């Protein structure tokens, strides 16, 4: 599962014109595959409606129940610590339950 994910990320990157959003389908496929392997039928929305905190890149639901949110940053951000204290990330950490920040390689989770 992870090997396929990294191959897909590399293929998207190798095209040479990828943006942060170009990798969304790769991440969604990884999340779907992982959750389905755990017996969960997920409902993942890319770029959902605006919340009180803003517009995170993904929402993850189990049926209609909200599981959490994901904010994905570009691959060029090698260290998530460099953006952990931005206004956007602080807002998401404070207001969104089960918030994940990722650069497609590292995944940081905050839970309430």
PDB file of N, CA and C in Angstrom:
ATOM      1  N   UNK A   1       0.825  -1.192   0.000  1.00  0.00           N
ATOM      2  CA  UNK A   1       0.000   0.000   0.000  1.00  0.00           C
ATOM      3  C   UNK A   1       0.874   1.263   0.000  1.00  0.00           C
ATOM      4  N   UNK A   2       1.861   1.308   0.911  1.00  0.00           N
ATOM      5  CA  UNK A   2       2.740   2.476   0.969  1.00  0.00           C
ATOM      6  C   UNK A   2       3.647   2.557  -0.252  1.00  0.00           C
ATOM      7  N   UNK A   3       4.137   1.404  -0.697  1.00  0.00           N
ATOM      8  CA  UNK A   3       4.978   1.417  -1.897  1.00  0.00           C
ATOM      9  C   UNK A   3       4.225   2.009  -3.079  1.00  0.00           C
ATOM     10  N   UNK A   4       2.985   1.589  -3.255  1.00  0.00           N
ATOM     11  CA  UNK A   4       2.171   2.117  -4.352  1.00  0.00           C
ATOM     12  C   UNK A   4       1.951   3.614  -4.191  1.00  0.00           C
ATOM     13  N   UNK A   5       1.670   4.047  -2.976  1.00  0.00           N
ATOM     14  CA  UNK A   5       1.470   5.470  -2.687  1.00  0.00           C
ATOM     15  C   UNK A   5       2.708   6.276  -3.084  1.00  0.00           C
ATOM     16  N   UNK A   6       3.888   5.827  -2.653  1.00  0.00           N
ATOM     17  CA  UNK A   6       5.112   6.568  -2.970  1.00  0.00           C
ATOM     18  C   UNK A   6       5.427   6.522  -4.464  1.00  0.00           C
ATOM     19  N   UNK A   7       5.101   5.429  -5.121  1.00  0.00           N
ATOM     20  CA  UNK A   7       5.277   5.364  -6.578  1.00  0.00           C
ATOM     21  C   UNK A   7       4.362   6.373  -7.267  1.00  0.00           C
ATOM     22  N   UNK A   8       3.125   6.483  -6.783  1.00  0.00           N
ATOM     23  CA  UNK A   8       2.179   7.446  -7.357  1.00  0.00           C
ATOM     24  C   UNK A   8       2.637   8.886  -7.120  1.00  0.00           C
ATOM     25  N   UNK A   9       3.121   9.162  -5.910  1.00  0.00           N
ATOM     26  CA  UNK A   9       3.644  10.497  -5.593  1.00  0.00           C
ATOM     27  C   UNK A   9       4.807  10.826  -6.527  1.00  0.00           C
ATOM     28  N   UNK A  10       5.711   9.876  -6.687  1.00  0.00           N
ATOM     29  CA  UNK A  10       6.878  10.092  -7.543  1.00  0.00           C
ATOM     30  C   UNK A  10       6.450  10.325  -8.996  1.00  0.00           C
ATOM     31  N   UNK A  11       5.502   9.556  -9.476  1.00  0.00           N
ATOM     32  CA  UNK A  11       5.018   9.710 -10.846  1.00  0.00           C
ATOM     33  C   UNK A  11       4.429  11.102 -11.053  1.00  0.00           C
ATOM     34  N   UNK A  12       3.639  11.564 -10.087  1.00  0.00           N
ATOM     35  CA  UNK A  12       3.058  12.903 -10.165  1.00  0.00           C
ATOM     36  C   UNK A  12       4.157  13.955 -10.139  1.00  0.00           C
ATOM     37  N   UNK A  13       5.129  13.789  -9.251  1.00  0.00           N
ATOM     38  CA  UNK A  13       6.252  14.730  -9.126  1.00  0.00           C
ATOM     39  C   UNK A  13       7.080  14.772 -10.412  1.00  0.00           C
ATOM     40  N   UNK A  14       7.325  13.606 -10.965  1.00  0.00           N
ATOM     41  CA  UNK A  14       8.179  13.471 -12.139  1.00  0.00           C
ATOM     42  C   UNK A  14       7.609  14.206 -13.357  1.00  0.00           C
ATOM     43  N   UNK A  15       6.310  14.423 -13.402  1.00  0.00           N
ATOM     44  CA  UNK A  15       5.698  15.157 -14.511  1.00  0.00           C
ATOM     45  C   UNK A  15       6.268  16.567 -14.624  1.00  0.00           C
ATOM     46  N   UNK A  16       6.740  17.113 -13.489  1.00  0.00           N
ATOM     47  CA  UNK A  16       7.425  18.398 -13.505  1.00  0.00           C
ATOM     48  C   UNK A  16       6.562  19.623 -13.339  1.00  0.00           C
ATOM     49  N   UNK A  17       5.256  19.484 -13.343  1.00  0.00           N
ATOM     50  CA  UNK A  17       4.396  20.654 -13.227  1.00  0.00           C
ATOM     51  C   UNK A  17       3.386  20.529 -12.088  1.00  0.00           C
ATOM     52  N   UNK A  18       3.692  19.659 -11.129  1.00  0.00           N
ATOM     53  CA  UNK A  18       2.754  19.379 -10.045  1.00  0.00           C
ATOM     54  C   UNK A  18       2.697  20.524  -9.033  1.00  0.00           C
ATOM     55  N   UNK A  19       1.502  20.720  -8.495  1.00  0.00           N
ATOM     56  CA  UNK A  19       1.293  21.656  -7.394  1.00  0.00           C
ATOM     57  C   UNK A  19       0.853  20.840  -6.177  1.00  0.00           C
ATOM     58  N   UNK A  20       0.663  21.513  -5.068  1.00  0.00           N
ATOM     59  CA  UNK A  20       0.196  20.836  -3.856  1.00  0.00           C
ATOM     60  C   UNK A  20      -1.058  19.999  -4.135  1.00  0.00           C
ATOM     61  N   UNK A  21      -1.992  20.559  -4.873  1.00  0.00           N
ATOM     62  CA  UNK A  21      -3.259  19.873  -5.144  1.00  0.00           C
ATOM     63  C   UNK A  21      -3.107  18.694  -6.107  1.00  0.00           C
ATOM     64  N   UNK A  22      -2.029  18.660  -6.855  1.00  0.00           N
ATOM     65  CA  UNK A  22      -1.810  17.559  -7.803  1.00  0.00           C
ATOM     66  C   UNK A  22      -1.704  16.211  -7.100  1.00  0.00           C
ATOM     67  N   UNK A  23      -1.296  16.228  -5.838  1.00  0.00           N
ATOM     68  CA  UNK A  23      -1.085  15.005  -5.075  1.00  0.00           C
ATOM     69  C   UNK A  23      -2.322  14.576  -4.288  1.00  0.00           C
ATOM     70  N   UNK A  24      -3.371  15.379  -4.301  1.00  0.00           N
ATOM     71  CA  UNK A  24      -4.587  15.045  -3.557  1.00  0.00           C
ATOM     72  C   UNK A  24      -5.135  13.666  -3.904  1.00  0.00           C
ATOM     73  N   UNK A  25      -5.261  13.320  -5.182  1.00  0.00           N
ATOM     74  CA  UNK A  25      -5.793  11.984  -5.499  1.00  0.00           C
ATOM     75  C   UNK A  25      -4.914  10.849  -4.955  1.00  0.00           C
ATOM     76  N   UNK A  26      -3.591  11.048  -4.968  1.00  0.00           N
ATOM     77  CA  UNK A  26      -2.689  10.027  -4.427  1.00  0.00           C
ATOM     78  C   UNK A  26      -2.927   9.823  -2.933  1.00  0.00           C
ATOM     79  N   UNK A  27      -3.079  10.926  -2.206  1.00  0.00           N
ATOM     80  CA  UNK A  27      -3.324  10.836  -0.765  1.00  0.00           C
ATOM     81  C   UNK A  27      -4.709  10.248  -0.489  1.00  0.00           C
ATOM     82  N   UNK A  28      -5.687  10.657  -1.254  1.00  0.00           N
ATOM     83  CA  UNK A  28      -7.037  10.110  -1.061  1.00  0.00           C
ATOM     84  C   UNK A  28      -7.037   8.596  -1.278  1.00  0.00           C
ATOM     85  N   UNK A  29      -6.351   8.121  -2.304  1.00  0.00           N
ATOM     86  CA  UNK A  29      -6.262   6.677  -2.549  1.00  0.00           C
ATOM     87  C   UNK A  29      -5.591   5.955  -1.391  1.00  0.00           C
ATOM     88  N   UNK A  30      -4.515   6.526  -0.852  1.00  0.00           N
ATOM     89  CA  UNK A  30      -3.843   5.919   0.295  1.00  0.00           C
ATOM     90  C   UNK A  30      -4.797   5.830   1.484  1.00  0.00           C
ATOM     91  N   UNK A  31      -5.488   6.913   1.780  1.00  0.00           N
ATOM     92  CA  UNK A  31      -6.418   6.937   2.904  1.00  0.00           C
ATOM     93  C   UNK A  31      -7.540   5.924   2.710  1.00  0.00           C
ATOM     94  N   UNK A  32      -8.113   5.893   1.520  1.00  0.00           N
ATOM     95  CA  UNK A  32      -9.170   4.915   1.230  1.00  0.00           C
ATOM     96  C   UNK A  32      -8.668   3.491   1.427  1.00  0.00           C
ATOM     97  N   UNK A  33      -7.518   3.182   0.852  1.00  0.00           N
ATOM     98  CA  UNK A  33      -6.967   1.828   0.961  1.00  0.00           C
ATOM     99  C   UNK A  33      -6.687   1.448   2.411  1.00  0.00           C
ATOM    100  N   UNK A  34      -6.099   2.380   3.165  1.00  0.00           N
ATOM    101  CA  UNK A  34      -5.771   2.093   4.562  1.00  0.00           C
ATOM    102  C   UNK A  34      -7.039   1.866   5.380  1.00  0.00           C
ATOM    103  N   UNK A  35      -7.983   2.778   5.269  1.00  0.00           N
ATOM    104  CA  UNK A  35      -9.211   2.658   6.063  1.00  0.00           C
ATOM    105  C   UNK A  35     -10.026   1.431   5.678  1.00  0.00           C
ATOM    106  N   UNK A  36     -10.091   1.134   4.397  1.00  0.00           N
ATOM    107  CA  UNK A  36     -10.807  -0.069   3.962  1.00  0.00           C
ATOM    108  C   UNK A  36     -10.127  -1.334   4.482  1.00  0.00           C
ATOM    109  N   UNK A  37      -8.787  -1.308   4.583  1.00  0.00           N
ATOM    110  CA  UNK A  37      -8.072  -2.472   5.127  1.00  0.00           C
ATOM    111  C   UNK A  37      -8.380  -2.677   6.606  1.00  0.00           C
ATOM    112  N   UNK A  38      -8.885  -1.639   7.269  1.00  0.00           N
ATOM    113  CA  UNK A  38      -9.279  -1.717   8.683  1.00  0.00           C
ATOM    114  C   UNK A  38     -10.776  -1.966   8.836  1.00  0.00           C
ATOM    115  N   UNK A  39     -11.450  -2.255   7.717  1.00  0.00           N
ATOM    116  CA  UNK A  39     -12.883  -2.543   7.768  1.00  0.00           C
ATOM    117  C   UNK A  39     -13.758  -1.308   7.822  1.00  0.00           C
ATOM    118  N   UNK A  40     -13.205  -0.165   7.493  1.00  0.00           N
ATOM    119  CA  UNK A  40     -13.964   1.097   7.520  1.00  0.00           C
ATOM    120  C   UNK A  40     -14.268   1.502   6.092  1.00  0.00           C
ATOM    121  N   UNK A  41     -15.522   1.872   5.839  1.00  0.00           N
ATOM    122  CA  UNK A  41     -15.917   2.374   4.533  1.00  0.00           C
ATOM    123  C   UNK A  41     -15.889   3.904   4.611  1.00  0.00           C
ATOM    124  N   UNK A  42     -14.773   4.533   4.203  1.00  0.00           N
ATOM    125  CA  UNK A  42     -14.639   5.971   4.410  1.00  0.00           C
ATOM    126  C   UNK A  42     -15.375   6.801   3.364  1.00  0.00           C
ATOM    127  N   UNK A  43     -15.649   8.016   3.743  1.00  0.00           N
ATOM    128  CA  UNK A  43     -16.179   9.025   2.836  1.00  0.00           C
ATOM    129  C   UNK A  43     -15.225  10.205   2.936  1.00  0.00           C
ATOM    130  N   UNK A  44     -14.363  10.363   1.932  1.00  0.00           N
ATOM    131  CA  UNK A  44     -13.323  11.389   1.958  1.00  0.00           C
ATOM    132  C   UNK A  44     -13.665  12.460   0.935  1.00  0.00           C
ATOM    133  N   UNK A  45     -13.697  13.698   1.404  1.00  0.00           N
ATOM    134  CA  UNK A  45     -13.993  14.831   0.530  1.00  0.00           C
ATOM    135  C   UNK A  45     -12.740  15.674   0.367  1.00  0.00           C
ATOM    136  N   UNK A  46     -12.368  15.915  -0.877  1.00  0.00           N
ATOM    137  CA  UNK A  46     -11.262  16.822  -1.179  1.00  0.00           C
ATOM    138  C   UNK A  46     -11.839  18.222  -1.305  1.00  0.00           C
ATOM    139  N   UNK A  47     -11.185  19.171  -0.651  1.00  0.00           N
ATOM    140  CA  UNK A  47     -11.591  20.568  -0.619  1.00  0.00           C
ATOM    141  C   UNK A  47     -13.068  20.726  -0.267  1.00  0.00           C
ATOM    142  N   UNK A  48     -13.412  20.359   0.969  1.00  0.00           N
ATOM    143  CA  UNK A  48     -14.801  20.467   1.428  1.00  0.00           C
ATOM    144  C   UNK A  48     -15.215  21.916   1.638  1.00  0.00           C
ATOM    145  N   UNK A  49     -16.466  22.072   2.016  1.00  0.00           N
ATOM    146  CA  UNK A  49     -16.973  23.411   2.333  1.00  0.00           C
ATOM    147  C   UNK A  49     -16.190  24.032   3.479  1.00  0.00           C
ATOM    148  N   UNK A  50     -16.271  25.343   3.533  1.00  0.00           N
ATOM    149  CA  UNK A  50     -15.584  26.114   4.567  1.00  0.00           C
ATOM    150  C   UNK A  50     -16.124  25.778   5.951  1.00  0.00           C
ATOM    151  N   UNK A  51     -15.210  25.653   6.916  1.00  0.00           N
ATOM    152  CA  UNK A  51     -15.573  25.468   8.319  1.00  0.00           C
ATOM    153  C   UNK A  51     -15.315  26.783   9.054  1.00  0.00           C
ATOM    154  N   UNK A  52     -15.592  26.801  10.355  1.00  0.00           N
ATOM    155  CA  UNK A  52     -15.299  27.999  11.156  1.00  0.00           C
ATOM    156  C   UNK A  52     -13.809  28.307  11.175  1.00  0.00           C
ATOM    157  N   UNK A  53     -12.993  27.289  10.964  1.00  0.00           N
ATOM    158  CA  UNK A  53     -11.545  27.456  10.999  1.00  0.00           C
ATOM    159  C   UNK A  53     -10.955  27.771   9.628  1.00  0.00           C
ATOM    160  N   UNK A  54     -11.706  27.546   8.569  1.00  0.00           N
ATOM    161  CA  UNK A  54     -11.194  27.754   7.218  1.00  0.00           C
ATOM    162  C   UNK A  54     -11.597  26.591   6.327  1.00  0.00           C
ATOM    163  N   UNK A  55     -10.794  26.339   5.317  1.00  0.00           N
ATOM    164  CA  UNK A  55     -11.087  25.257   4.379  1.00  0.00           C
ATOM    165  C   UNK A  55      -9.921  24.273   4.363  1.00  0.00           C
ATOM    166  N   UNK A  56      -9.989  23.244   5.185  1.00  0.00           N
ATOM    167  CA  UNK A  56      -8.934  22.233   5.127  1.00  0.00           C
ATOM    168  C   UNK A  56      -9.030  21.474   3.808  1.00  0.00           C
ATOM    169  N   UNK A  57      -7.956  20.809   3.427  1.00  0.00           N
ATOM    170  CA  UNK A  57      -7.916  20.142   2.132  1.00  0.00           C
ATOM    171  C   UNK A  57      -8.785  18.887   2.068  1.00  0.00           C
ATOM    172  N   UNK A  58      -8.964  18.203   3.189  1.00  0.00           N
ATOM    173  CA  UNK A  58      -9.741  16.964   3.212  1.00  0.00           C
ATOM    174  C   UNK A  58     -10.598  16.889   4.467  1.00  0.00           C
ATOM    175  N   UNK A  59     -11.763  16.279   4.333  1.00  0.00           N
ATOM    176  CA  UNK A  59     -12.495  15.798   5.506  1.00  0.00           C
ATOM    177  C   UNK A  59     -12.622  14.292   5.342  1.00  0.00           C
ATOM    178  N   UNK A  60     -12.586  13.609   6.464  1.00  0.00           N
ATOM    179  CA  UNK A  60     -12.742  12.157   6.460  1.00  0.00           C
ATOM    180  C   UNK A  60     -13.929  11.821   7.346  1.00  0.00           C
ATOM    181  N   UNK A  61     -14.825  11.039   6.782  1.00  0.00           N
ATOM    182  CA  UNK A  61     -16.015  10.611   7.514  1.00  0.00           C
ATOM    183  C   UNK A  61     -16.144   9.102   7.440  1.00  0.00           C
ATOM    184  N   UNK A  62     -16.750   8.562   8.490  1.00  0.00           N
ATOM    185  CA  UNK A  62     -17.165   7.157   8.514  1.00  0.00           C
ATOM    186  C   UNK A  62     -18.672   7.224   8.475  1.00  0.00           C
ATOM    187  N   UNK A  63     -19.249   6.839   7.339  1.00  0.00           N
ATOM    188  CA  UNK A  63     -20.651   7.115   7.039  1.00  0.00           C
ATOM    189  C   UNK A  63     -20.825   8.628   7.063  1.00  0.00           C
ATOM    190  N   UNK A  64     -21.699   9.123   7.924  1.00  0.00           N
ATOM    191  CA  UNK A  64     -21.866  10.579   8.013  1.00  0.00           C
ATOM    192  C   UNK A  64     -21.115  11.175   9.195  1.00  0.00           C
ATOM    193  N   UNK A  65     -20.502  10.317  10.019  1.00  0.00           N
ATOM    194  CA  UNK A  65     -19.800  10.786  11.214  1.00  0.00           C
ATOM    195  C   UNK A  65     -18.419  11.320  10.861  1.00  0.00           C
ATOM    196  N   UNK A  66     -18.138  12.541  11.281  1.00  0.00           N
ATOM    197  CA  UNK A  66     -16.850  13.161  11.033  1.00  0.00           C
ATOM    198  C   UNK A  66     -15.757  12.450  11.819  1.00  0.00           C
ATOM    199  N   UNK A  67     -14.694  12.090  11.130  1.00  0.00           N
ATOM    200  CA  UNK A  67     -13.534  11.474  11.780  1.00  0.00           C
ATOM    201  C   UNK A  67     -12.440  12.517  11.974  1.00  0.00           C
ATOM    202  N   UNK A  68     -12.168  13.339  10.951  1.00  0.00           N
ATOM    203  CA  UNK A  68     -11.133  14.355  11.083  1.00  0.00           C
ATOM    204  C   UNK A  68     -10.891  15.121   9.803  1.00  0.00           C
ATOM    205  N   UNK A  69      -9.832  15.954   9.871  1.00  0.00           N
ATOM    206  CA  UNK A  69      -9.483  16.854   8.778  1.00  0.00           C
ATOM    207  C   UNK A  69      -8.009  16.687   8.452  1.00  0.00           C
ATOM    208  N   UNK A  70      -7.673  16.984   7.200  1.00  0.00           N
ATOM    209  CA  UNK A  70      -6.273  16.956   6.773  1.00  0.00           C
ATOM    210  C   UNK A  70      -5.968  18.236   6.011  1.00  0.00           C
ATOM    211  N   UNK A  71      -4.830  18.824   6.330  1.00  0.00           N
ATOM    212  CA  UNK A  71      -4.281  19.942   5.565  1.00  0.00           C
ATOM    213  C   UNK A  71      -2.978  19.449   4.961  1.00  0.00           C
ATOM    214  N   UNK A  72      -2.909  19.437   3.641  1.00  0.00           N
ATOM    215  CA  UNK A  72      -1.718  18.967   2.933  1.00  0.00           C
ATOM    216  C   UNK A  72      -0.931  20.170   2.423  1.00  0.00           C
ATOM    217  N   UNK A  73       0.364  20.111   2.619  1.00  0.00           N
ATOM    218  CA  UNK A  73       1.265  21.147   2.125  1.00  0.00           C
ATOM    219  C   UNK A  73       2.148  20.561   1.037  1.00  0.00           C
ATOM    220  N   UNK A  74       2.735  21.415   0.250  1.00  0.00           N
ATOM    221  CA  UNK A  74       3.533  20.964  -0.886  1.00  0.00           C
ATOM    222  C   UNK A  74       4.727  20.118  -0.443  1.00  0.00           C
ATOM    223  N   UNK A  75       5.169  19.255  -1.338  1.00  0.00           N
ATOM    224  CA  UNK A  75       6.328  18.395  -1.071  1.00  0.00           C
ATOM    225  C   UNK A  75       7.583  19.194  -0.748  1.00  0.00           C
ATOM    226  N   UNK A  76       7.649  20.416  -1.223  1.00  0.00           N
ATOM    227  CA  UNK A  76       8.853  21.227  -1.003  1.00  0.00           C
ATOM    228  C   UNK A  76       9.009  21.638   0.455  1.00  0.00           C
ATOM    229  N   UNK A  77       7.968  21.498   1.252  1.00  0.00           N
ATOM    230  CA  UNK A  77       8.075  21.789   2.689  1.00  0.00           C
ATOM    231  C   UNK A  77       8.591  20.522   3.359  1.00  0.00           C
ATOM    232  N   UNK A  78       9.895  20.485   3.528  1.00  0.00           N
ATOM    233  CA  UNK A  78      10.528  19.276   4.038  1.00  0.00           C
ATOM    234  C   UNK A  78      10.348  19.091   5.539  1.00  0.00           C
ATOM    235  N   UNK A  79      10.166  20.191   6.266  1.00  0.00           N
ATOM    236  CA  UNK A  79      10.032  20.125   7.725  1.00  0.00           C
ATOM    237  C   UNK A  79       8.744  20.820   8.138  1.00  0.00           C
ATOM    238  N   UNK A  80       7.777  20.038   8.574  1.00  0.00           N
ATOM    239  CA  UNK A  80       6.479  20.609   8.957  1.00  0.00           C
ATOM    240  C   UNK A  80       6.601  21.572  10.128  1.00  0.00           C
ATOM    241  N   UNK A  81       7.654  21.444  10.884  1.00  0.00           N
ATOM    242  CA  UNK A  81       7.859  22.334  12.026  1.00  0.00           C
ATOM    243  C   UNK A  81       7.984  23.791  11.561  1.00  0.00           C
ATOM    244  N   UNK A  82       8.440  24.002  10.329  1.00  0.00           N
ATOM    245  CA  UNK A  82       8.599  25.368   9.829  1.00  0.00           C
ATOM    246  C   UNK A  82       7.265  26.068   9.600  1.00  0.00           C
ATOM    247  N   UNK A  83       6.178  25.304   9.482  1.00  0.00           N
ATOM    248  CA  UNK A  83       4.864  25.921   9.261  1.00  0.00           C
ATOM    249  C   UNK A  83       3.873  25.632  10.383  1.00  0.00           C
ATOM    250  N   UNK A  84       4.335  24.913  11.390  1.00  0.00           N
ATOM    251  CA  UNK A  84       3.440  24.527  12.484  1.00  0.00           C
ATOM    252  C   UNK A  84       2.810  25.734  13.172  1.00  0.00           C
ATOM    253  N   UNK A  85       3.507  26.849  13.210  1.00  0.00           N
ATOM    254  CA  UNK A  85       3.012  28.009  13.953  1.00  0.00           C
ATOM    255  C   UNK A  85       2.444  29.104  13.054  1.00  0.00           C
ATOM    256  N   UNK A  86       2.103  28.758  11.816  1.00  0.00           N
ATOM    257  CA  UNK A  86       1.439  29.738  10.952  1.00  0.00           C
ATOM    258  C   UNK A  86       0.013  29.944  11.460  1.00  0.00           C
ATOM    259  N   UNK A  87      -0.583  31.051  11.081  1.00  0.00           N
ATOM    260  CA  UNK A  87      -1.951  31.348  11.520  1.00  0.00           C
ATOM    261  C   UNK A  87      -2.924  30.249  11.106  1.00  0.00           C
ATOM    262  N   UNK A  88      -2.800  29.780   9.885  1.00  0.00           N
ATOM    263  CA  UNK A  88      -3.708  28.748   9.389  1.00  0.00           C
ATOM    264  C   UNK A  88      -3.601  27.472  10.212  1.00  0.00           C
ATOM    265  N   UNK A  89      -2.404  26.989  10.428  1.00  0.00           N
ATOM    266  CA  UNK A  89      -2.219  25.736  11.161  1.00  0.00           C
ATOM    267  C   UNK A  89      -2.637  25.908  12.622  1.00  0.00           C
ATOM    268  N   UNK A  90      -2.300  27.036  13.236  1.00  0.00           N
ATOM    269  CA  UNK A  90      -2.733  27.277  14.627  1.00  0.00           C
ATOM    270  C   UNK A  90      -4.257  27.254  14.728  1.00  0.00           C
ATOM    271  N   UNK A  91      -4.920  27.891  13.783  1.00  0.00           N
ATOM    272  CA  UNK A  91      -6.387  27.926  13.762  1.00  0.00           C
ATOM    273  C   UNK A  91      -6.951  26.515  13.630  1.00  0.00           C
ATOM    274  N   UNK A  92      -6.390  25.724  12.723  1.00  0.00           N
ATOM    275  CA  UNK A  92      -6.859  24.359  12.529  1.00  0.00           C
ATOM    276  C   UNK A  92      -6.623  23.503  13.767  1.00  0.00           C
ATOM    277  N   UNK A  93      -5.454  23.641  14.380  1.00  0.00           N
ATOM    278  CA  UNK A  93      -5.147  22.860  15.587  1.00  0.00           C
ATOM    279  C   UNK A  93      -6.120  23.191  16.714  1.00  0.00           C
ATOM    280  N   UNK A  94      -6.477  24.454  16.830  1.00  0.00           N
ATOM    281  CA  UNK A  94      -7.365  24.884  17.903  1.00  0.00           C
ATOM    282  C   UNK A  94      -8.823  24.499  17.675  1.00  0.00           C
ATOM    283  N   UNK A  95      -9.285  24.535  16.428  1.00  0.00           N
ATOM    284  CA  UNK A  95     -10.709  24.418  16.159  1.00  0.00           C
ATOM    285  C   UNK A  95     -11.167  23.113  15.515  1.00  0.00           C
ATOM    286  N   UNK A  96     -10.240  22.338  14.963  1.00  0.00           N
ATOM    287  CA  UNK A  96     -10.642  21.121  14.267  1.00  0.00           C
ATOM    288  C   UNK A  96     -10.254  19.884  15.070  1.00  0.00           C
ATOM    289  N   UNK A  97     -11.209  19.006  15.349  1.00  0.00           N
ATOM    290  CA  UNK A  97     -10.860  17.764  16.044  1.00  0.00           C
ATOM    291  C   UNK A  97     -10.145  16.814  15.083  1.00  0.00           C
ATOM    292  N   UNK A  98      -9.188  16.077  15.609  1.00  0.00           N
ATOM    293  CA  UNK A  98      -8.464  15.092  14.792  1.00  0.00           C
ATOM    294  C   UNK A  98      -7.926  15.721  13.512  1.00  0.00           C
ATOM    295  N   UNK A  99      -7.015  16.638  13.687  1.00  0.00           N
ATOM    296  CA  UNK A  99      -6.425  17.382  12.577  1.00  0.00           C
ATOM    297  C   UNK A  99      -5.063  16.801  12.222  1.00  0.00           C
ATOM    298  N   UNK A 100      -4.869  16.514  10.930  1.00  0.00           N
ATOM    299  CA  UNK A 100      -3.586  16.011  10.433  1.00  0.00           C
ATOM    300  C   UNK A 100      -2.984  17.051   9.499  1.00  0.00           C
ATOM    301  N   UNK A 101      -1.703  17.309   9.695  1.00  0.00           N
ATOM    302  CA  UNK A 101      -0.918  18.164   8.805  1.00  0.00           C
ATOM    303  C   UNK A 101       0.082  17.260   8.104  1.00  0.00           C
ATOM    304  N   UNK A 102       0.191  17.389   6.785  1.00  0.00           N
ATOM    305  CA  UNK A 102       1.102  16.518   6.041  1.00  0.00           C
ATOM    306  C   UNK A 102       1.776  17.257   4.889  1.00  0.00           C
ATOM    307  N   UNK A 103       2.948  16.774   4.539  1.00  0.00           N
ATOM    308  CA  UNK A 103       3.639  17.189   3.313  1.00  0.00           C
ATOM    309  C   UNK A 103       3.704  15.990   2.360  1.00  0.00           C
ATOM    310  N   UNK A 104       2.824  15.052   2.563  1.00  0.00           N
ATOM    311  CA  UNK A 104       2.676  13.800   1.816  1.00  0.00           C
ATOM    312  C   UNK A 104       3.674  12.729   2.232  1.00  0.00           C
ATOM    313  N   UNK A 105       4.647  13.094   3.052  1.00  0.00           N
ATOM    314  CA  UNK A 105       5.609  12.113   3.570  1.00  0.00           C
ATOM    315  C   UNK A 105       5.518  12.004   5.085  1.00  0.00           C
ATOM    316  N   UNK A 106       5.418  13.145   5.754  1.00  0.00           N
ATOM    317  CA  UNK A 106       5.260  13.190   7.210  1.00  0.00           C
ATOM    318  C   UNK A 106       3.801  13.501   7.516  1.00  0.00           C
ATOM    319  N   UNK A 107       3.286  12.870   8.584  1.00  0.00           N
ATOM    320  CA  UNK A 107       1.903  13.075   8.992  1.00  0.00           C
ATOM    321  C   UNK A 107       1.891  13.391  10.481  1.00  0.00           C
ATOM    322  N   UNK A 108       1.475  14.617  10.823  1.00  0.00           N
ATOM    323  CA  UNK A 108       1.377  15.024  12.219  1.00  0.00           C
ATOM    324  C   UNK A 108      -0.098  15.083  12.593  1.00  0.00           C
ATOM    325  N   UNK A 109      -0.438  14.496  13.748  1.00  0.00           N
ATOM    326  CA  UNK A 109      -1.820  14.442  14.207  1.00  0.00           C
ATOM    327  C   UNK A 109      -1.993  15.216  15.510  1.00  0.00           C
ATOM    328  N   UNK A 110      -3.042  16.038  15.562  1.00  0.00           N
ATOM    329  CA  UNK A 110      -3.472  16.694  16.793  1.00  0.00           C
ATOM    330  C   UNK A 110      -4.872  16.187  17.081  1.00  0.00           C
ATOM    331  N   UNK A 111      -5.109  15.766  18.313  1.00  0.00           N
ATOM    332  CA  UNK A 111      -6.430  15.238  18.691  1.00  0.00           C
ATOM    333  C   UNK A 111      -7.003  16.058  19.833  1.00  0.00           C
ATOM    334  N   UNK A 112      -8.329  16.181  19.829  1.00  0.00           N
ATOM    335  CA  UNK A 112      -9.018  16.788  20.958  1.00  0.00           C
ATOM    336  C   UNK A 112      -9.942  15.766  21.532  1.00  0.00           C
TER     337      UNK A 112
END
